[in-house]
C-alpha cells in the first residue's frame, strides 16, 4: 500500500491529508504529465485517443496514438533517407 497525499504536499504529515491506497491507484491519482494526458482522452498533440486512433499494446499496459505513430514513422523514414543521401557523395569521392 502507498500513502496518497490528498493535499498534494509530500512533506505533509497531517493524517487527515493521507489515505492508504494501492500503488496503482496512487499512480492513477498522480499529476505527472503522462497521467494528465491519459485522463484527458487526447494525446500530447491533441489527437483523440479513442476508436481506430488508439493502439493498446498486448497486455494492456501501454497505449499509443496511431496518428502520432504514423508521424513518428514518417519522420524516421525522412531522417534515414536523408542520411543515405549525405553518405552517397562521400563514398563516390573516396573511390
PDB file of N, CA and C in Angstrom:
ATOM      1  N   UNK A   1       0.841  -1.190   0.000  1.00  0.00           N
ATOM      2  CA  UNK A   1       0.000   0.000   0.000  1.00  0.00           C
ATOM      3  C   UNK A   1       0.883   1.250   0.000  1.00  0.00           C
ATOM      4  N   UNK A   2       0.376   2.302  -0.632  1.00  0.00           N
ATOM      5  CA  UNK A   2       1.052   3.599  -0.673  1.00  0.00           C
ATOM      6  C   UNK A   2       0.217   4.612   0.099  1.00  0.00           C
ATOM      7  N   UNK A   3       0.877   5.657   0.568  1.00  0.00           N
ATOM      8  CA  UNK A   3       0.150   6.774   1.168  1.00  0.00           C
ATOM      9  C   UNK A   3      -0.051   7.835   0.105  1.00  0.00           C
ATOM     10  N   UNK A   4      -1.295   8.144  -0.186  1.00  0.00           N
ATOM     11  CA  UNK A   4      -1.618   9.201  -1.136  1.00  0.00           C
ATOM     12  C   UNK A   4      -1.768  10.502  -0.355  1.00  0.00           C
ATOM     13  N   UNK A   5      -1.004  11.493  -0.749  1.00  0.00           N
ATOM     14  CA  UNK A   5      -1.093  12.814  -0.112  1.00  0.00           C
ATOM     15  C   UNK A   5      -2.223  13.583  -0.797  1.00  0.00           C
ATOM     16  N   UNK A   6      -3.378  13.598  -0.186  1.00  0.00           N
ATOM     17  CA  UNK A   6      -4.557  14.226  -0.781  1.00  0.00           C
ATOM     18  C   UNK A   6      -4.360  15.723  -1.010  1.00  0.00           C
ATOM     19  N   UNK A   7      -3.512  16.339  -0.197  1.00  0.00           N
ATOM     20  CA  UNK A   7      -3.242  17.774  -0.339  1.00  0.00           C
ATOM     21  C   UNK A   7      -2.157  18.039  -1.382  1.00  0.00           C
ATOM     22  N   UNK A   8      -1.565  16.960  -1.944  1.00  0.00           N
ATOM     23  CA  UNK A   8      -0.501  17.039  -2.956  1.00  0.00           C
ATOM     24  C   UNK A   8       0.776  17.676  -2.433  1.00  0.00           C
ATOM     25  N   UNK A   9       0.966  17.640  -1.123  1.00  0.00           N
ATOM     26  CA  UNK A   9       2.177  18.160  -0.498  1.00  0.00           C
ATOM     27  C   UNK A   9       2.909  16.977   0.143  1.00  0.00           C
ATOM     28  N   UNK A  10       3.969  16.458  -0.504  1.00  0.00           N
ATOM     29  CA  UNK A  10       4.644  15.262   0.000  1.00  0.00           C
ATOM     30  C   UNK A  10       5.213  15.397   1.408  1.00  0.00           C
ATOM     31  N   UNK A  11       5.500  16.603   1.850  1.00  0.00           N
ATOM     32  CA  UNK A  11       6.062  16.767   3.195  1.00  0.00           C
ATOM     33  C   UNK A  11       4.982  16.863   4.274  1.00  0.00           C
ATOM     34  N   UNK A  12       3.716  16.896   3.886  1.00  0.00           N
ATOM     35  CA  UNK A  12       2.624  16.974   4.852  1.00  0.00           C
ATOM     36  C   UNK A  12       2.470  15.649   5.590  1.00  0.00           C
ATOM     37  N   UNK A  13       2.281  15.721   6.894  1.00  0.00           N
ATOM     38  CA  UNK A  13       2.084  14.505   7.694  1.00  0.00           C
ATOM     39  C   UNK A  13       0.750  14.526   8.438  1.00  0.00           C
ATOM     40  N   UNK A  14      -0.124  15.432   8.083  1.00  0.00           N
ATOM     41  CA  UNK A  14      -1.440  15.506   8.711  1.00  0.00           C
ATOM     42  C   UNK A  14      -2.214  14.241   8.321  1.00  0.00           C
ATOM     43  N   UNK A  15      -2.617  13.424   9.291  1.00  0.00           N
ATOM     44  CA  UNK A  15      -3.316  12.169   8.973  1.00  0.00           C
ATOM     45  C   UNK A  15      -4.592  12.367   8.163  1.00  0.00           C
ATOM     46  N   UNK A  16      -5.241  13.517   8.314  1.00  0.00           N
ATOM     47  CA  UNK A  16      -6.465  13.767   7.538  1.00  0.00           C
ATOM     48  C   UNK A  16      -6.165  14.025   6.070  1.00  0.00           C
ATOM     49  N   UNK A  17      -4.897  14.301   5.736  1.00  0.00           N
ATOM     50  CA  UNK A  17      -4.498  14.556   4.354  1.00  0.00           C
ATOM     51  C   UNK A  17      -3.903  13.320   3.691  1.00  0.00           C
ATOM     52  N   UNK A  18      -3.846  12.201   4.415  1.00  0.00           N
ATOM     53  CA  UNK A  18      -3.235  10.972   3.908  1.00  0.00           C
ATOM     54  C   UNK A  18      -4.275   9.877   3.767  1.00  0.00           C
ATOM     55  N   UNK A  19      -4.114   9.077   2.718  1.00  0.00           N
ATOM     56  CA  UNK A  19      -5.018   7.941   2.509  1.00  0.00           C
ATOM     57  C   UNK A  19      -4.204   6.763   1.997  1.00  0.00           C
ATOM     58  N   UNK A  20      -4.401   5.601   2.586  1.00  0.00           N
ATOM     59  CA  UNK A  20      -3.726   4.388   2.134  1.00  0.00           C
ATOM     60  C   UNK A  20      -4.446   3.851   0.903  1.00  0.00           C
ATOM     61  N   UNK A  21      -3.715   3.734  -0.192  1.00  0.00           N
ATOM     62  CA  UNK A  21      -4.281   3.240  -1.448  1.00  0.00           C
ATOM     63  C   UNK A  21      -3.275   2.279  -2.082  1.00  0.00           C
ATOM     64  N   UNK A  22      -3.737   1.512  -3.072  1.00  0.00           N
ATOM     65  CA  UNK A  22      -2.817   0.630  -3.794  1.00  0.00           C
ATOM     66  C   UNK A  22      -1.860   1.488  -4.611  1.00  0.00           C
ATOM     67  N   UNK A  23      -0.740   0.894  -4.979  1.00  0.00           N
ATOM     68  CA  UNK A  23       0.245   1.619  -5.780  1.00  0.00           C
ATOM     69  C   UNK A  23      -0.364   2.068  -7.107  1.00  0.00           C
ATOM     70  N   UNK A  24      -1.142   1.176  -7.716  1.00  0.00           N
ATOM     71  CA  UNK A  24      -1.788   1.503  -8.993  1.00  0.00           C
ATOM     72  C   UNK A  24      -2.721   2.706  -8.855  1.00  0.00           C
ATOM     73  N   UNK A  25      -3.501   2.722  -7.779  1.00  0.00           N
ATOM     74  CA  UNK A  25      -4.418   3.846  -7.548  1.00  0.00           C
ATOM     75  C   UNK A  25      -3.641   5.132  -7.285  1.00  0.00           C
ATOM     76  N   UNK A  26      -2.539   5.029  -6.564  1.00  0.00           N
ATOM     77  CA  UNK A  26      -1.733   6.206  -6.281  1.00  0.00           C
ATOM     78  C   UNK A  26      -1.166   6.793  -7.573  1.00  0.00           C
ATOM     79  N   UNK A  27      -0.717   5.928  -8.471  1.00  0.00           N
ATOM     80  CA  UNK A  27      -0.224   6.400  -9.772  1.00  0.00           C
ATOM     81  C   UNK A  27      -1.363   7.033 -10.574  1.00  0.00           C
ATOM     82  N   UNK A  28      -2.527   6.395 -10.525  1.00  0.00           N
ATOM     83  CA  UNK A  28      -3.679   6.893 -11.285  1.00  0.00           C
ATOM     84  C   UNK A  28      -4.095   8.294 -10.819  1.00  0.00           C
ATOM     85  N   UNK A  29      -3.951   8.558  -9.540  1.00  0.00           N
ATOM     86  CA  UNK A  29      -4.323   9.860  -8.984  1.00  0.00           C
ATOM     87  C   UNK A  29      -3.245  10.919  -9.209  1.00  0.00           C
ATOM     88  N   UNK A  30      -2.100  10.516  -9.700  1.00  0.00           N
ATOM     89  CA  UNK A  30      -0.959  11.427  -9.837  1.00  0.00           C
ATOM     90  C   UNK A  30      -1.204  12.593 -10.780  1.00  0.00           C
ATOM     91  N   UNK A  31      -0.288  13.533 -10.740  1.00  0.00           N
ATOM     92  CA  UNK A  31      -0.390  14.726 -11.583  1.00  0.00           C
ATOM     93  C   UNK A  31       0.768  14.794 -12.572  1.00  0.00           C
ATOM     94  N   UNK A  32       1.432  13.667 -12.832  1.00  0.00           N
ATOM     95  CA  UNK A  32       2.501  13.617 -13.832  1.00  0.00           C
ATOM     96  C   UNK A  32       1.896  13.850 -15.217  1.00  0.00           C
ATOM     97  N   UNK A  33       2.666  14.423 -16.145  1.00  0.00           N
ATOM     98  CA  UNK A  33       2.139  14.693 -17.490  1.00  0.00           C
ATOM     99  C   UNK A  33       1.507  13.474 -18.161  1.00  0.00           C
ATOM    100  N   UNK A  34       2.105  12.296 -17.977  1.00  0.00           N
ATOM    101  CA  UNK A  34       1.541  11.101 -18.612  1.00  0.00           C
ATOM    102  C   UNK A  34       0.149  10.771 -18.069  1.00  0.00           C
ATOM    103  N   UNK A  35      -0.065  10.981 -16.773  1.00  0.00           N
ATOM    104  CA  UNK A  35      -1.384  10.698 -16.197  1.00  0.00           C
ATOM    105  C   UNK A  35      -2.404  11.754 -16.607  1.00  0.00           C
ATOM    106  N   UNK A  36      -1.974  12.998 -16.710  1.00  0.00           N
ATOM    107  CA  UNK A  36      -2.892  14.051 -17.155  1.00  0.00           C
ATOM    108  C   UNK A  36      -3.333  13.791 -18.592  1.00  0.00           C
ATOM    109  N   UNK A  37      -2.404  13.356 -19.432  1.00  0.00           N
ATOM    110  CA  UNK A  37      -2.730  13.020 -20.820  1.00  0.00           C
ATOM    111  C   UNK A  37      -3.683  11.840 -20.855  1.00  0.00           C
ATOM    112  N   UNK A  38      -3.405  10.823 -20.044  1.00  0.00           N
ATOM    113  CA  UNK A  38      -4.251   9.635 -20.000  1.00  0.00           C
ATOM    114  C   UNK A  38      -5.688  10.008 -19.644  1.00  0.00           C
ATOM    115  N   UNK A  39      -5.845  10.832 -18.617  1.00  0.00           N
ATOM    116  CA  UNK A  39      -7.189  11.212 -18.162  1.00  0.00           C
ATOM    117  C   UNK A  39      -7.909  12.135 -19.141  1.00  0.00           C
ATOM    118  N   UNK A  40      -7.168  12.906 -19.924  1.00  0.00           N
ATOM    119  CA  UNK A  40      -7.807  13.859 -20.834  1.00  0.00           C
ATOM    120  C   UNK A  40      -8.480  13.164 -22.011  1.00  0.00           C
ATOM    121  N   UNK A  41      -7.971  11.980 -22.410  1.00  0.00           N
ATOM    122  CA  UNK A  41      -8.530  11.278 -23.561  1.00  0.00           C
ATOM    123  C   UNK A  41      -7.910  11.728 -24.875  1.00  0.00           C
ATOM    124  N   UNK A  42      -6.896  12.605 -24.811  1.00  0.00           N
ATOM    125  CA  UNK A  42      -6.221  13.103 -26.003  1.00  0.00           C
ATOM    126  C   UNK A  42      -4.717  12.931 -25.835  1.00  0.00           C
ATOM    127  N   UNK A  43      -4.012  12.739 -26.945  1.00  0.00           N
ATOM    128  CA  UNK A  43      -2.564  12.630 -26.880  1.00  0.00           C
ATOM    129  C   UNK A  43      -1.964  14.026 -26.712  1.00  0.00           C
ATOM    130  N   UNK A  44      -0.648  14.096 -26.611  1.00  0.00           N
ATOM    131  CA  UNK A  44       0.010  15.388 -26.397  1.00  0.00           C
ATOM    132  C   UNK A  44      -0.139  16.324 -27.589  1.00  0.00           C
ATOM    133  N   UNK A  45      -0.413  15.773 -28.780  1.00  0.00           N
ATOM    134  CA  UNK A  45      -0.619  16.607 -29.971  1.00  0.00           C
ATOM    135  C   UNK A  45      -2.098  16.933 -30.191  1.00  0.00           C
ATOM    136  N   UNK A  46      -2.968  16.429 -29.313  1.00  0.00           N
ATOM    137  CA  UNK A  46      -4.382  16.768 -29.396  1.00  0.00           C
ATOM    138  C   UNK A  46      -5.248  15.784 -30.160  1.00  0.00           C
ATOM    139  N   UNK A  47      -4.694  14.641 -30.587  1.00  0.00           N
ATOM    140  CA  UNK A  47      -5.497  13.619 -31.267  1.00  0.00           C
ATOM    141  C   UNK A  47      -6.319  12.852 -30.233  1.00  0.00           C
ATOM    142  N   UNK A  48      -7.552  12.532 -30.588  1.00  0.00           N
ATOM    143  CA  UNK A  48      -8.412  11.753 -29.691  1.00  0.00           C
ATOM    144  C   UNK A  48      -7.849  10.349 -29.526  1.00  0.00           C
ATOM    145  N   UNK A  49      -7.776   9.881 -28.292  1.00  0.00           N
ATOM    146  CA  UNK A  49      -7.259   8.539 -28.006  1.00  0.00           C
ATOM    147  C   UNK A  49      -8.428   7.569 -27.885  1.00  0.00           C
ATOM    148  N   UNK A  50      -9.177   7.429 -28.987  1.00  0.00           N
ATOM    149  CA  UNK A  50     -10.342   6.555 -28.993  1.00  0.00           C
ATOM    150  C   UNK A  50     -10.425   5.820 -30.322  1.00  0.00           C
ATOM    151  N   UNK A  51     -11.222   4.778 -30.348  1.00  0.00           N
ATOM    152  CA  UNK A  51     -11.543   4.060 -31.582  1.00  0.00           C
ATOM    153  C   UNK A  51     -10.333   3.602 -32.374  1.00  0.00           C
ATOM    154  N   UNK A  52     -10.364   3.867 -33.680  1.00  0.00           N
ATOM    155  CA  UNK A  52      -9.303   3.414 -34.573  1.00  0.00           C
ATOM    156  C   UNK A  52      -7.985   4.143 -34.359  1.00  0.00           C
ATOM    157  N   UNK A  53      -8.002   5.265 -33.670  1.00  0.00           N
ATOM    158  CA  UNK A  53      -6.769   6.021 -33.447  1.00  0.00           C
ATOM    159  C   UNK A  53      -6.019   5.554 -32.199  1.00  0.00           C
ATOM    160  N   UNK A  54      -6.566   4.610 -31.474  1.00  0.00           N
ATOM    161  CA  UNK A  54      -5.945   4.133 -30.238  1.00  0.00           C
ATOM    162  C   UNK A  54      -5.388   2.732 -30.444  1.00  0.00           C
ATOM    163  N   UNK A  55      -4.098   2.572 -30.157  1.00  0.00           N
ATOM    164  CA  UNK A  55      -3.482   1.250 -30.164  1.00  0.00           C
ATOM    165  C   UNK A  55      -3.125   0.897 -28.726  1.00  0.00           C
ATOM    166  N   UNK A  56      -3.614  -0.244 -28.264  1.00  0.00           N
ATOM    167  CA  UNK A  56      -3.289  -0.735 -26.927  1.00  0.00           C
ATOM    168  C   UNK A  56      -2.355  -1.924 -27.117  1.00  0.00           C
ATOM    169  N   UNK A  57      -1.155  -1.818 -26.556  1.00  0.00           N
ATOM    170  CA  UNK A  57      -0.173  -2.890 -26.669  1.00  0.00           C
ATOM    171  C   UNK A  57      -0.680  -4.146 -25.974  1.00  0.00           C
ATOM    172  N   UNK A  58      -0.242  -5.315 -26.441  1.00  0.00           N
ATOM    173  CA  UNK A  58      -0.628  -6.563 -25.779  1.00  0.00           C
ATOM    174  C   UNK A  58      -0.302  -6.499 -24.285  1.00  0.00           C
ATOM    175  N   UNK A  59      -1.214  -6.934 -23.478  1.00  0.00           N
ATOM    176  CA  UNK A  59      -1.053  -6.867 -22.028  1.00  0.00           C
ATOM    177  C   UNK A  59      -1.755  -5.656 -21.442  1.00  0.00           C
ATOM    178  N   UNK A  60      -2.117  -4.678 -22.280  1.00  0.00           N
ATOM    179  CA  UNK A  60      -2.881  -3.519 -21.843  1.00  0.00           C
ATOM    180  C   UNK A  60      -2.134  -2.522 -20.984  1.00  0.00           C
ATOM    181  N   UNK A  61      -0.804  -2.632 -20.896  1.00  0.00           N
ATOM    182  CA  UNK A  61      -0.040  -1.739 -20.029  1.00  0.00           C
ATOM    183  C   UNK A  61       0.345  -0.427 -20.714  1.00  0.00           C
ATOM    184  N   UNK A  62       0.252  -0.377 -22.032  1.00  0.00           N
ATOM    185  CA  UNK A  62       0.704   0.820 -22.748  1.00  0.00           C
ATOM    186  C   UNK A  62      -0.256   1.129 -23.884  1.00  0.00           C
ATOM    187  N   UNK A  63      -0.507   2.425 -24.085  1.00  0.00           N
ATOM    188  CA  UNK A  63      -1.395   2.884 -25.160  1.00  0.00           C
ATOM    189  C   UNK A  63      -0.630   3.842 -26.044  1.00  0.00           C
ATOM    190  N   UNK A  64      -1.036   3.910 -27.326  1.00  0.00           N
ATOM    191  CA  UNK A  64      -0.357   4.805 -28.253  1.00  0.00           C
ATOM    192  C   UNK A  64      -1.352   5.412 -29.229  1.00  0.00           C
ATOM    193  N   UNK A  65      -1.141   6.674 -29.551  1.00  0.00           N
ATOM    194  CA  UNK A  65      -1.937   7.359 -30.566  1.00  0.00           C
ATOM    195  C   UNK A  65      -1.425   6.908 -31.937  1.00  0.00           C
ATOM    196  N   UNK A  66      -2.287   6.338 -32.747  1.00  0.00           N
ATOM    197  CA  UNK A  66      -1.867   5.852 -34.061  1.00  0.00           C
ATOM    198  C   UNK A  66      -1.440   6.996 -34.981  1.00  0.00           C
ATOM    199  N   UNK A  67      -2.108   8.140 -34.900  1.00  0.00           N
ATOM    200  CA  UNK A  67      -1.737   9.284 -35.749  1.00  0.00           C
ATOM    201  C   UNK A  67      -0.312   9.738 -35.421  1.00  0.00           C
ATOM    202  N   UNK A  68       0.025   9.809 -34.142  1.00  0.00           N
ATOM    203  CA  UNK A  68       1.382  10.188 -33.737  1.00  0.00           C
ATOM    204  C   UNK A  68       2.381   9.115 -34.143  1.00  0.00           C
ATOM    205  N   UNK A  69       1.975   7.854 -34.089  1.00  0.00           N
ATOM    206  CA  UNK A  69       2.845   6.759 -34.526  1.00  0.00           C
ATOM    207  C   UNK A  69       3.171   6.875 -36.000  1.00  0.00           C
ATOM    208  N   UNK A  70       2.175   7.245 -36.813  1.00  0.00           N
ATOM    209  CA  UNK A  70       2.420   7.443 -38.247  1.00  0.00           C
ATOM    210  C   UNK A  70       3.371   8.615 -38.477  1.00  0.00           C
ATOM    211  N   UNK A  71       3.162   9.726 -37.766  1.00  0.00           N
ATOM    212  CA  UNK A  71       4.057  10.880 -37.897  1.00  0.00           C
ATOM    213  C   UNK A  71       5.485  10.521 -37.498  1.00  0.00           C
ATOM    214  N   UNK A  72       5.619   9.790 -36.412  1.00  0.00           N
ATOM    215  CA  UNK A  72       6.941   9.376 -35.938  1.00  0.00           C
ATOM    216  C   UNK A  72       7.642   8.506 -36.983  1.00  0.00           C
ATOM    217  N   UNK A  73       6.900   7.588 -37.587  1.00  0.00           N
ATOM    218  CA  UNK A  73       7.468   6.707 -38.609  1.00  0.00           C
ATOM    219  C   UNK A  73       7.860   7.497 -39.859  1.00  0.00           C
ATOM    220  N   UNK A  74       7.027   8.457 -40.274  1.00  0.00           N
ATOM    221  CA  UNK A  74       7.372   9.296 -41.431  1.00  0.00           C
ATOM    222  C   UNK A  74       8.643  10.084 -41.178  1.00  0.00           C
ATOM    223  N   UNK A  75       8.777  10.651 -39.987  1.00  0.00           N
ATOM    224  CA  UNK A  75       9.990  11.403 -39.637  1.00  0.00           C
ATOM    225  C   UNK A  75      11.205  10.492 -39.616  1.00  0.00           C
ATOM    226  N   UNK A  76      11.037   9.290 -39.102  1.00  0.00           N
ATOM    227  CA  UNK A  76      12.145   8.331 -39.062  1.00  0.00           C
ATOM    228  C   UNK A  76      12.591   7.970 -40.477  1.00  0.00           C
ATOM    229  N   UNK A  77      11.632   7.750 -41.378  1.00  0.00           N
ATOM    230  CA  UNK A  77      11.952   7.423 -42.769  1.00  0.00           C
ATOM    231  C   UNK A  77      12.673   8.585 -43.455  1.00  0.00           C
ATOM    232  N   UNK A  78      12.215   9.824 -43.201  1.00  0.00           N
ATOM    233  CA  UNK A  78      12.875  11.002 -43.796  1.00  0.00           C
ATOM    234  C   UNK A  78      14.325  11.120 -43.328  1.00  0.00           C
ATOM    235  N   UNK A  79      14.537  10.959 -42.013  1.00  0.00           N
ATOM    236  CA  UNK A  79      15.901  11.041 -41.476  1.00  0.00           C
ATOM    237  C   UNK A  79      16.788   9.961 -42.080  1.00  0.00           C
ATOM    238  N   UNK A  80      16.249   8.774 -42.188  1.00  0.00           N
ATOM    239  CA  UNK A  80      17.003   7.653 -42.747  1.00  0.00           C
ATOM    240  C   UNK A  80      17.364   7.916 -44.208  1.00  0.00           C
ATOM    241  N   UNK A  81      16.399   8.403 -44.969  1.00  0.00           N
ATOM    242  CA  UNK A  81      16.623   8.706 -46.385  1.00  0.00           C
ATOM    243  C   UNK A  81      17.663   9.822 -46.532  1.00  0.00           C
ATOM    244  N   UNK A  82      17.548  10.862 -45.682  1.00  0.00           N
ATOM    245  CA  UNK A  82      18.475  11.992 -45.717  1.00  0.00           C
ATOM    246  C   UNK A  82      19.903  11.551 -45.403  1.00  0.00           C
ATOM    247  N   UNK A  83      20.060  10.681 -44.419  1.00  0.00           N
ATOM    248  CA  UNK A  83      21.407  10.228 -44.049  1.00  0.00           C
ATOM    249  C   UNK A  83      22.028   9.390 -45.159  1.00  0.00           C
ATOM    250  N   UNK A  84      21.212   8.613 -45.879  1.00  0.00           N
ATOM    251  CA  UNK A  84      21.732   7.845 -47.014  1.00  0.00           C
ATOM    252  C   UNK A  84      22.197   8.775 -48.130  1.00  0.00           C
ATOM    253  N   UNK A  85      21.446   9.866 -48.367  1.00  0.00           N
ATOM    254  CA  UNK A  85      21.832  10.829 -49.403  1.00  0.00           C
ATOM    255  C   UNK A  85      23.124  11.540 -49.028  1.00  0.00           C
ATOM    256  N   UNK A  86      23.297  11.855 -47.768  1.00  0.00           N
ATOM    257  CA  UNK A  86      24.509  12.531 -47.323  1.00  0.00           C
ATOM    258  C   UNK A  86      25.722  11.615 -47.408  1.00  0.00           C
ATOM    259  N   UNK A  87      25.553  10.324 -47.214  1.00  0.00           N
ATOM    260  CA  UNK A  87      26.657   9.383 -47.276  1.00  0.00           C
ATOM    261  C   UNK A  87      27.076   9.082 -48.704  1.00  0.00           C
ATOM    262  N   UNK A  88      26.167   9.102 -49.654  1.00  0.00           N
ATOM    263  CA  UNK A  88      26.453   8.727 -51.032  1.00  0.00           C
ATOM    264  C   UNK A  88      27.557   9.580 -51.664  1.00  0.00           C
ATOM    265  N   UNK A  89      27.550  10.897 -51.605  1.00  0.00           N
ATOM    266  CA  UNK A  89      28.629  11.691 -52.224  1.00  0.00           C
ATOM    267  C   UNK A  89      29.999  11.401 -51.610  1.00  0.00           C
ATOM    268  N   UNK A  90      30.073  11.161 -50.331  1.00  0.00           N
ATOM    269  CA  UNK A  90      31.345  10.852 -49.668  1.00  0.00           C
ATOM    270  C   UNK A  90      31.920   9.548 -50.162  1.00  0.00           C
ATOM    271  N   UNK A  91      31.080   8.566 -50.417  1.00  0.00           N
ATOM    272  CA  UNK A  91      31.547   7.266 -50.892  1.00  0.00           C
ATOM    273  C   UNK A  91      32.086   7.383 -52.308  1.00  0.00           C
ATOM    274  N   UNK A  92      31.451   8.212 -53.159  1.00  0.00           N
ATOM    275  CA  UNK A  92      31.873   8.359 -54.551  1.00  0.00           C
ATOM    276  C   UNK A  92      33.230   9.069 -54.625  1.00  0.00           C
ATOM    277  N   UNK A  93      33.502  10.045 -53.748  1.00  0.00           N
ATOM    278  CA  UNK A  93      34.750  10.790 -53.805  1.00  0.00           C
ATOM    279  C   UNK A  93      35.919  10.026 -53.209  1.00  0.00           C
ATOM    280  N   UNK A  94      35.655   9.026 -52.363  1.00  0.00           N
ATOM    281  CA  UNK A  94      36.734   8.299 -51.717  1.00  0.00           C
ATOM    282  C   UNK A  94      37.276   7.178 -52.599  1.00  0.00           C
ATOM    283  N   UNK A  95      36.611   6.848 -53.713  1.00  0.00           N
ATOM    284  CA  UNK A  95      36.980   5.707 -54.533  1.00  0.00           C
ATOM    285  C   UNK A  95      37.965   6.030 -55.532  1.00  0.00           C
TER     286      UNK A  95
END
